[in-house]
Amino acid sequence: MAFDLYDLVNKYPPQQMMAIPLAIFVIGLMIIGVNFMFTGAPVSLGIDFAGGTAVTIITDDTPEQLESYFASYPLISIGEGLNRGNYLRFGPMSDDQFRLLSQDIGARYPDAKVDQIGESFGETLQQQALFALLISFIGMSVIVFIAFRTVIPSIAVVFAAFADILITAAIMDIIGLPLSLGTTAALLMLIGYSVDSDILLTTRILKRQGKLEDKLSNAFRTGFIMTTTTLSAVLALLIVSWIGGIEIILQIATVLLIGLIVDLINTWMFNAGLLKWYVQSGRAAKEVRR
C-alpha cells in the first residue's frame, strides 16, 4: 500500500494524537517556569525591554578581539553575520559609561550604529507589549467562541494558540533568543497563523458533510500545504536576513519558523485528535441538536 501523508491524521486514536503535544506543552511550561524563577521573566528580555545599548559594526575583528576591546563595558553578546557584520549587545550602564563607550566606538569604528534604550523606557515598552499580547489573545478567544458557539471546539482552538505561544517562548529560552519588539511582533503574528489553521480544521470537521476520515485528511492536505508554503517563505526570509546581517528581521523570521513548526504539531495532532474524539463520542451531534 502506498504511503499517504495526508491520511496520517486517521491512522492513530485521539489519545495517542494528543499525548505528544501535551507532553511538549508540559515541558515548555516547566522551562518557562524555571526561567521565571531565575530571571523574573518567562522569557529572557532583550535590550528593547531590559534597557541597554546595541551596536552594529562592520569589521574584520574576531569576537575575541571585540570582547577584549570592550572588556570594561557590560557586553552581553556578539552576533555575527556575513559581510563582516557584527551586532553587539550591552547591558544597562550609567550616562558617563555610555559616553565613554560612544567615544571608544567612534575612535575605532567610525561607521558604527549605536542605539540606546533606558531601563525605565524599556519597562514601559515591556508593559505595552504584554498588554498587546493579552488584548490580542482575549480578542481572538471571544471571536472563536462567537463563531463556533460550542465549548470543546472553541477551547481546542484557544488552547492550541496558547500552546503555540508558550512552546515557542520556551524554545526561545533554550536557544537564547531574547524577547524584543521584533520577537513580540512575531508572537502576535503566530496567534493569527495558529487560529487560521485551527479554524480551517474545525470548520471542515463540524460544518461539512461526509465521513470524518475524509474531512480530516482533506483538511490536513489544505492546512499542511498552507503552512509549508508559509514556512518556505519564512525560511527564505531568515536566510536573506542572516546574510545581510539584519538582526531584527532575523529574530522575527526565527520565531515565525519555530512557531509554525510548533503549530503543525498542535493543530494536526492535539486539535485534530480532540475533534476526532469529540465527533466519535457523539458529543458534536448532541450539541447540534441543542
Foldseek 3Di string as FASTA:
>chain_A
DDDDPLLVLVPDALVVLAVVLVVLLVVLVVLLVVCCVVPVGSFAAACLQQWWKKKKAADPDDPVRVCVLCVVFQWDDWDDFANRIIITTGGDDDPVVVVVVVVSCCVPGVPMDMDTDHRVSSNVVVVVLVVVVVVLLVVLLVVLCVVPVDPQLSVLLSVLLVSLLSSLSSVCRVVVNHDHPLLSVLNSVLSVLLNVLSCLLVCLQQPDDDDNSVSSSVSSVVSVVVLVVVLVVLVVQLVVCRNVVVVSSNSSSVSNNSSSVSSNSSRSRNSSSSSVCCVVVPVSVVVVVD
